[in-house]
PDB file of all heavy atoms in Angstrom:
ATOM      1  N   ALA A   1       0.832  -1.220   0.031  1.00  0.00           N
ATOM      2  CA  ALA A   1       0.005  -0.017  -0.001  1.00  0.00           C
ATOM      3  C   ALA A   1       0.855   1.258   0.002  1.00  0.00           C
ATOM      4  O   ALA A   1       0.538   2.238  -0.648  1.00  0.00           O
ATOM      5  CB  ALA A   1      -0.949  -0.013   1.221  1.00  0.00           C
ATOM      6  N   SER A   2       1.965   1.219   0.767  1.00  0.00           N
ATOM      7  CA  SER A   2       2.876   2.360   0.814  1.00  0.00           C
ATOM      8  C   SER A   2       3.482   2.623  -0.562  1.00  0.00           C
ATOM      9  O   SER A   2       3.603   3.799  -0.997  1.00  0.00           O
ATOM     10  CB  SER A   2       3.993   2.121   1.833  1.00  0.00           C
ATOM     11  OG  SER A   2       3.436   1.992   3.177  1.00  0.00           O
ATOM     12  N   PHE A   3       3.924   1.588  -1.260  1.00  0.00           N
ATOM     13  CA  PHE A   3       4.505   1.732  -2.535  1.00  0.00           C
ATOM     14  C   PHE A   3       3.446   2.128  -3.603  1.00  0.00           C
ATOM     15  O   PHE A   3       3.769   2.963  -4.539  1.00  0.00           O
ATOM     16  CB  PHE A   3       5.227   0.452  -3.036  1.00  0.00           C
ATOM     17  CG  PHE A   3       6.583   0.323  -2.493  1.00  0.00           C
ATOM     18  CD1 PHE A   3       6.824  -0.320  -1.288  1.00  0.00           C
ATOM     19  CD2 PHE A   3       7.688   0.805  -3.173  1.00  0.00           C
ATOM     20  CE1 PHE A   3       8.103  -0.445  -0.787  1.00  0.00           C
ATOM     21  CE2 PHE A   3       8.974   0.721  -2.700  1.00  0.00           C
ATOM     22  CZ  PHE A   3       9.164   0.060  -1.466  1.00  0.00           C
ATOM     23  N   SER A   4       2.256   1.644  -3.511  1.00  0.00           N
ATOM     24  CA  SER A   4       1.255   1.899  -4.493  1.00  0.00           C
ATOM     25  C   SER A   4       0.715   3.332  -4.408  1.00  0.00           C
ATOM     26  O   SER A   4       0.045   3.797  -5.369  1.00  0.00           O
ATOM     27  CB  SER A   4       0.036   0.933  -4.332  1.00  0.00           C
ATOM     28  OG  SER A   4      -0.600   1.091  -3.072  1.00  0.00           O
ATOM     29  N   ARG A   5       1.001   4.124  -3.400  1.00  0.00           N
ATOM     30  CA  ARG A   5       0.658   5.511  -3.377  1.00  0.00           C
ATOM     31  C   ARG A   5       1.385   6.265  -4.458  1.00  0.00           C
ATOM     32  O   ARG A   5       0.869   7.313  -4.930  1.00  0.00           O
ATOM     33  CB  ARG A   5       0.918   6.100  -2.006  1.00  0.00           C
ATOM     34  CG  ARG A   5       0.085   5.538  -0.911  1.00  0.00           C
ATOM     35  CD  ARG A   5       0.244   6.276   0.421  1.00  0.00           C
ATOM     36  NE  ARG A   5      -0.469   5.637   1.480  1.00  0.00           N
ATOM     37  CZ  ARG A   5       0.016   4.847   2.423  1.00  0.00           C
ATOM     38  NH1 ARG A   5       1.333   4.619   2.404  1.00  0.00           N
ATOM     39  NH2 ARG A   5      -0.710   4.292   3.348  1.00  0.00           N
ATOM     40  N   ARG A   6       2.572   5.838  -4.876  1.00  0.00           N
ATOM     41  CA  ARG A   6       3.331   6.490  -5.913  1.00  0.00           C
ATOM     42  C   ARG A   6       3.430   5.676  -7.182  1.00  0.00           C
ATOM     43  O   ARG A   6       3.614   6.199  -8.229  1.00  0.00           O
ATOM     44  CB  ARG A   6       4.750   6.782  -5.373  1.00  0.00           C
ATOM     45  CG  ARG A   6       4.850   7.641  -4.101  1.00  0.00           C
ATOM     46  CD  ARG A   6       4.426   9.087  -4.419  1.00  0.00           C
ATOM     47  NE  ARG A   6       5.274   9.732  -5.440  1.00  0.00           N
ATOM     48  CZ  ARG A   6       6.477  10.263  -5.190  1.00  0.00           C
ATOM     49  NH1 ARG A   6       6.926  10.299  -3.943  1.00  0.00           N
ATOM     50  NH2 ARG A   6       7.153  10.826  -6.162  1.00  0.00           N
ATOM     51  N   ILE A   7       3.387   4.341  -7.015  1.00  0.00           N
ATOM     52  CA  ILE A   7       3.593   3.431  -8.125  1.00  0.00           C
ATOM     53  C   ILE A   7       2.313   2.771  -8.500  1.00  0.00           C
ATOM     54  O   ILE A   7       1.666   2.081  -7.699  1.00  0.00           O
ATOM     55  CB  ILE A   7       4.672   2.356  -7.785  1.00  0.00           C
ATOM     56  CG1 ILE A   7       5.948   3.004  -7.262  1.00  0.00           C
ATOM     57  CG2 ILE A   7       4.918   1.472  -8.976  1.00  0.00           C
ATOM     58  CD1 ILE A   7       6.615   3.923  -8.224  1.00  0.00           C
ATOM     59  N   LYS A   8       1.854   2.936  -9.748  1.00  0.00           N
ATOM     60  CA  LYS A   8       0.621   2.345 -10.228  1.00  0.00           C
ATOM     61  C   LYS A   8       0.911   1.263 -11.309  1.00  0.00           C
ATOM     62  O   LYS A   8      -0.006   0.730 -11.865  1.00  0.00           O
ATOM     63  CB  LYS A   8      -0.314   3.406 -10.822  1.00  0.00           C
ATOM     64  CG  LYS A   8      -0.702   4.502  -9.842  1.00  0.00           C
ATOM     65  CD  LYS A   8      -1.411   3.928  -8.636  1.00  0.00           C
ATOM     66  CE  LYS A   8      -1.832   5.013  -7.669  1.00  0.00           C
ATOM     67  NZ  LYS A   8      -2.471   4.461  -6.431  1.00  0.00           N
ATOM     68  N   ASP A   9       2.199   0.939 -11.529  1.00  0.00           N
ATOM     69  CA  ASP A   9       2.576  -0.093 -12.473  1.00  0.00           C
ATOM     70  C   ASP A   9       2.355  -1.447 -11.831  1.00  0.00           C
ATOM     71  O   ASP A   9       3.103  -1.840 -10.912  1.00  0.00           O
ATOM     72  CB  ASP A   9       4.052   0.077 -12.907  1.00  0.00           C
ATOM     73  CG  ASP A   9       4.447  -0.863 -13.979  1.00  0.00           C
ATOM     74  OD1 ASP A   9       3.977  -1.964 -14.018  1.00  0.00           O
ATOM     75  OD2 ASP A   9       5.304  -0.437 -14.821  1.00  0.00           O
ATOM     76  N   GLY A  10       1.362  -2.206 -12.262  1.00  0.00           N
ATOM     77  CA  GLY A  10       0.988  -3.437 -11.680  1.00  0.00           C
ATOM     78  C   GLY A  10       2.166  -4.473 -11.721  1.00  0.00           C
ATOM     79  O   GLY A  10       2.315  -5.330 -10.850  1.00  0.00           O
ATOM     80  N   SER A  11       2.958  -4.462 -12.795  1.00  0.00           N
ATOM     81  CA  SER A  11       4.050  -5.366 -12.942  1.00  0.00           C
ATOM     82  C   SER A  11       5.153  -5.161 -11.899  1.00  0.00           C
ATOM     83  O   SER A  11       5.726  -6.093 -11.369  1.00  0.00           O
ATOM     84  CB  SER A  11       4.642  -5.315 -14.364  1.00  0.00           C
ATOM     85  OG  SER A  11       3.687  -5.646 -15.371  1.00  0.00           O
ATOM     86  N   ILE A  12       5.387  -3.914 -11.613  1.00  0.00           N
ATOM     87  CA  ILE A  12       6.407  -3.578 -10.576  1.00  0.00           C
ATOM     88  C   ILE A  12       5.889  -4.019  -9.187  1.00  0.00           C
ATOM     89  O   ILE A  12       6.611  -4.638  -8.432  1.00  0.00           O
ATOM     90  CB  ILE A  12       6.691  -2.096 -10.609  1.00  0.00           C
ATOM     91  CG1 ILE A  12       7.511  -1.677 -11.824  1.00  0.00           C
ATOM     92  CG2 ILE A  12       7.451  -1.702  -9.295  1.00  0.00           C
ATOM     93  CD1 ILE A  12       8.919  -2.133 -11.825  1.00  0.00           C
ATOM     94  N   LEU A  13       4.656  -3.732  -8.908  1.00  0.00           N
ATOM     95  CA  LEU A  13       4.077  -4.142  -7.633  1.00  0.00           C
ATOM     96  C   LEU A  13       4.010  -5.674  -7.511  1.00  0.00           C
ATOM     97  O   LEU A  13       4.268  -6.226  -6.425  1.00  0.00           O
ATOM     98  CB  LEU A  13       2.680  -3.556  -7.464  1.00  0.00           C
ATOM     99  CG  LEU A  13       2.642  -1.990  -7.367  1.00  0.00           C
ATOM    100  CD1 LEU A  13       1.175  -1.507  -7.365  1.00  0.00           C
ATOM    101  CD2 LEU A  13       3.360  -1.485  -6.156  1.00  0.00           C
ATOM    102  N   ALA A  14       3.697  -6.360  -8.611  1.00  0.00           N
ATOM    103  CA  ALA A  14       3.674  -7.816  -8.598  1.00  0.00           C
ATOM    104  C   ALA A  14       5.072  -8.404  -8.333  1.00  0.00           C
ATOM    105  O   ALA A  14       5.200  -9.382  -7.576  1.00  0.00           O
ATOM    106  CB  ALA A  14       3.129  -8.353  -9.940  1.00  0.00           C
ATOM    107  N   LEU A  15       6.060  -7.798  -8.927  1.00  0.00           N
ATOM    108  CA  LEU A  15       7.467  -8.206  -8.683  1.00  0.00           C
ATOM    109  C   LEU A  15       7.839  -7.968  -7.209  1.00  0.00           C
ATOM    110  O   LEU A  15       8.523  -8.845  -6.602  1.00  0.00           O
ATOM    111  CB  LEU A  15       8.407  -7.445  -9.635  1.00  0.00           C
ATOM    112  CG  LEU A  15       9.892  -7.893  -9.622  1.00  0.00           C
ATOM    113  CD1 LEU A  15      10.065  -9.358  -9.969  1.00  0.00           C
ATOM    114  CD2 LEU A  15      10.660  -6.967 -10.585  1.00  0.00           C
ATOM    115  N   LEU A  16       7.438  -6.923  -6.677  1.00  0.00           N
ATOM    116  CA  LEU A  16       7.688  -6.610  -5.232  1.00  0.00           C
ATOM    117  C   LEU A  16       6.989  -7.615  -4.374  1.00  0.00           C
ATOM    118  O   LEU A  16       7.597  -8.093  -3.422  1.00  0.00           O
ATOM    119  CB  LEU A  16       7.239  -5.167  -4.983  1.00  0.00           C
ATOM    120  CG  LEU A  16       7.623  -4.626  -3.550  1.00  0.00           C
ATOM    121  CD1 LEU A  16       9.111  -4.642  -3.328  1.00  0.00           C
ATOM    122  CD2 LEU A  16       7.057  -3.214  -3.388  1.00  0.00           C
ATOM    123  N   ARG A  17       5.761  -7.962  -4.668  1.00  0.00           N
ATOM    124  CA  ARG A  17       4.989  -8.982  -3.898  1.00  0.00           C
ATOM    125  C   ARG A  17       5.759 -10.324  -4.030  1.00  0.00           C
ATOM    126  O   ARG A  17       5.854 -10.991  -2.959  1.00  0.00           O
ATOM    127  CB  ARG A  17       3.609  -9.071  -4.418  1.00  0.00           C
ATOM    128  CG  ARG A  17       2.716 -10.071  -3.660  1.00  0.00           C
ATOM    129  CD  ARG A  17       1.346 -10.149  -4.204  1.00  0.00           C
ATOM    130  NE  ARG A  17       0.539  -8.965  -3.917  1.00  0.00           N
ATOM    131  CZ  ARG A  17      -0.123  -8.783  -2.758  1.00  0.00           C
ATOM    132  NH1 ARG A  17      -0.084  -9.694  -1.807  1.00  0.00           N
ATOM    133  NH2 ARG A  17      -0.796  -7.696  -2.579  1.00  0.00           N
ATOM    134  N   LYS A  18       6.172 -10.699  -5.160  1.00  0.00           N
ATOM    135  CA  LYS A  18       6.896 -11.994  -5.303  1.00  0.00           C
ATOM    136  C   LYS A  18       8.151 -12.023  -4.383  1.00  0.00           C
ATOM    137  O   LYS A  18       8.474 -13.020  -3.786  1.00  0.00           O
ATOM    138  CB  LYS A  18       7.302 -12.206  -6.777  1.00  0.00           C
ATOM    139  CG  LYS A  18       6.217 -12.641  -7.693  1.00  0.00           C
ATOM    140  CD  LYS A  18       6.759 -12.897  -9.049  1.00  0.00           C
ATOM    141  CE  LYS A  18       5.660 -13.424 -10.037  1.00  0.00           C
ATOM    142  NZ  LYS A  18       6.223 -13.685 -11.367  1.00  0.00           N
ATOM    143  N   THR A  19       8.841 -10.888  -4.374  1.00  0.00           N
ATOM    144  CA  THR A  19      10.070 -10.785  -3.540  1.00  0.00           C
ATOM    145  C   THR A  19       9.708 -10.951  -2.074  1.00  0.00           C
ATOM    146  O   THR A  19      10.431 -11.666  -1.349  1.00  0.00           O
ATOM    147  CB  THR A  19      10.771  -9.433  -3.789  1.00  0.00           C
ATOM    148  OG1 THR A  19      11.107  -9.315  -5.208  1.00  0.00           O
ATOM    149  CG2 THR A  19      11.958  -9.279  -2.935  1.00  0.00           C
ATOM    150  N   LEU A  20       8.660 -10.327  -1.644  1.00  0.00           N
ATOM    151  CA  LEU A  20       8.242 -10.443  -0.213  1.00  0.00           C
ATOM    152  C   LEU A  20       7.749 -11.796   0.116  1.00  0.00           C
ATOM    153  O   LEU A  20       7.971 -12.274   1.247  1.00  0.00           O
ATOM    154  CB  LEU A  20       7.132  -9.406   0.058  1.00  0.00           C
ATOM    155  CG  LEU A  20       7.494  -7.923  -0.031  1.00  0.00           C
ATOM    156  CD1 LEU A  20       6.231  -7.089   0.044  1.00  0.00           C
ATOM    157  CD2 LEU A  20       8.439  -7.559   1.102  1.00  0.00           C
ATOM    158  N   LYS A  21       7.098 -12.533  -0.827  1.00  0.00           N
ATOM    159  CA  LYS A  21       6.493 -13.795  -0.564  1.00  0.00           C
ATOM    160  C   LYS A  21       7.364 -14.971  -0.941  1.00  0.00           C
ATOM    161  O   LYS A  21       6.894 -16.140  -0.932  1.00  0.00           O
ATOM    162  CB  LYS A  21       5.177 -13.895  -1.315  1.00  0.00           C
ATOM    163  CG  LYS A  21       4.125 -12.849  -0.972  1.00  0.00           C
ATOM    164  CD  LYS A  21       3.561 -13.016   0.442  1.00  0.00           C
ATOM    165  CE  LYS A  21       2.450 -12.055   0.709  1.00  0.00           C
ATOM    166  NZ  LYS A  21       1.950 -12.159   2.109  1.00  0.00           N
ATOM    167  N   SER A  22       8.657 -14.783  -1.196  1.00  0.00           N
ATOM    168  CA  SER A  22       9.529 -15.844  -1.700  1.00  0.00           C
ATOM    169  C   SER A  22       9.776 -16.954  -0.684  1.00  0.00           C
ATOM    170  O   SER A  22      10.159 -18.068  -1.017  1.00  0.00           O
ATOM    171  CB  SER A  22      10.873 -15.269  -2.224  1.00  0.00           C
ATOM    172  OG  SER A  22      11.519 -14.637  -1.128  1.00  0.00           O
ATOM    173  N   GLY A  23       9.629 -16.649   0.574  1.00  0.00           N
ATOM    174  CA  GLY A  23       9.818 -17.622   1.608  1.00  0.00           C
ATOM    175  C   GLY A  23      11.200 -17.699   2.152  1.00  0.00           C
ATOM    176  O   GLY A  23      12.111 -17.045   1.682  1.00  0.00           O
ATOM    177  N   VAL A  24      11.429 -18.536   3.161  1.00  0.00           N
ATOM    178  CA  VAL A  24      12.689 -18.672   3.856  1.00  0.00           C
ATOM    179  C   VAL A  24      13.061 -20.157   3.969  1.00  0.00           C
ATOM    180  O   VAL A  24      12.221 -21.016   4.198  1.00  0.00           O
ATOM    181  CB  VAL A  24      12.608 -18.050   5.262  1.00  0.00           C
ATOM    182  CG1 VAL A  24      13.935 -18.280   5.983  1.00  0.00           C
ATOM    183  CG2 VAL A  24      12.269 -16.563   5.211  1.00  0.00           C
ATOM    184  N   MET A  25      14.366 -20.448   3.702  1.00  0.00           N
ATOM    185  CA  MET A  25      14.835 -21.818   3.817  1.00  0.00           C
ATOM    186  C   MET A  25      15.640 -21.887   5.136  1.00  0.00           C
ATOM    187  O   MET A  25      16.638 -21.201   5.316  1.00  0.00           O
ATOM    188  CB  MET A  25      15.658 -22.243   2.616  1.00  0.00           C
ATOM    189  CG  MET A  25      16.116 -23.709   2.629  1.00  0.00           C
ATOM    190  SD  MET A  25      14.638 -24.830   2.409  1.00  0.00           S
ATOM    191  CE  MET A  25      14.203 -24.524   0.719  1.00  0.00           C
ATOM    192  N   THR A  26      15.191 -22.742   6.017  1.00  0.00           N
ATOM    193  CA  THR A  26      15.923 -23.002   7.266  1.00  0.00           C
ATOM    194  C   THR A  26      16.358 -24.443   7.323  1.00  0.00           C
ATOM    195  O   THR A  26      16.158 -25.224   6.397  1.00  0.00           O
ATOM    196  CB  THR A  26      15.037 -22.647   8.466  1.00  0.00           C
ATOM    197  OG1 THR A  26      13.971 -23.635   8.520  1.00  0.00           O
ATOM    198  CG2 THR A  26      14.421 -21.262   8.336  1.00  0.00           C
ATOM    199  N   GLY A  27      16.937 -24.838   8.455  1.00  0.00           N
ATOM    200  CA  GLY A  27      17.315 -26.206   8.654  1.00  0.00           C
ATOM    201  C   GLY A  27      16.187 -27.143   8.667  1.00  0.00           C
ATOM    202  O   GLY A  27      16.346 -28.336   8.451  1.00  0.00           O
ATOM    203  N   GLU A  28      15.008 -26.629   8.910  1.00  0.00           N
ATOM    204  CA  GLU A  28      13.776 -27.441   8.938  1.00  0.00           C
ATOM    205  C   GLU A  28      13.049 -27.406   7.599  1.00  0.00           C
ATOM    206  O   GLU A  28      11.973 -27.963   7.500  1.00  0.00           O
ATOM    207  CB  GLU A  28      12.873 -26.955  10.064  1.00  0.00           C
ATOM    208  CG  GLU A  28      13.501 -27.017  11.467  1.00  0.00           C
ATOM    209  CD  GLU A  28      12.684 -26.422  12.547  1.00  0.00           C
ATOM    210  OE1 GLU A  28      11.590 -25.872  12.193  1.00  0.00           O
ATOM    211  OE2 GLU A  28      13.048 -26.476  13.725  1.00  0.00           O
ATOM    212  N   GLY A  29      13.597 -26.761   6.585  1.00  0.00           N
ATOM    213  CA  GLY A  29      12.973 -26.720   5.311  1.00  0.00           C
ATOM    214  C   GLY A  29      12.344 -25.366   4.966  1.00  0.00           C
ATOM    215  O   GLY A  29      12.657 -24.372   5.633  1.00  0.00           O
TER     216      GLY A  29
END
């Protein structure tokens, strides 16, 4: 929401969302 106040390019926002949702790999998977 903070980025979308200035950025209306859906592809940029989608790329940012993918980056945030990429997940984490730990010793438990």
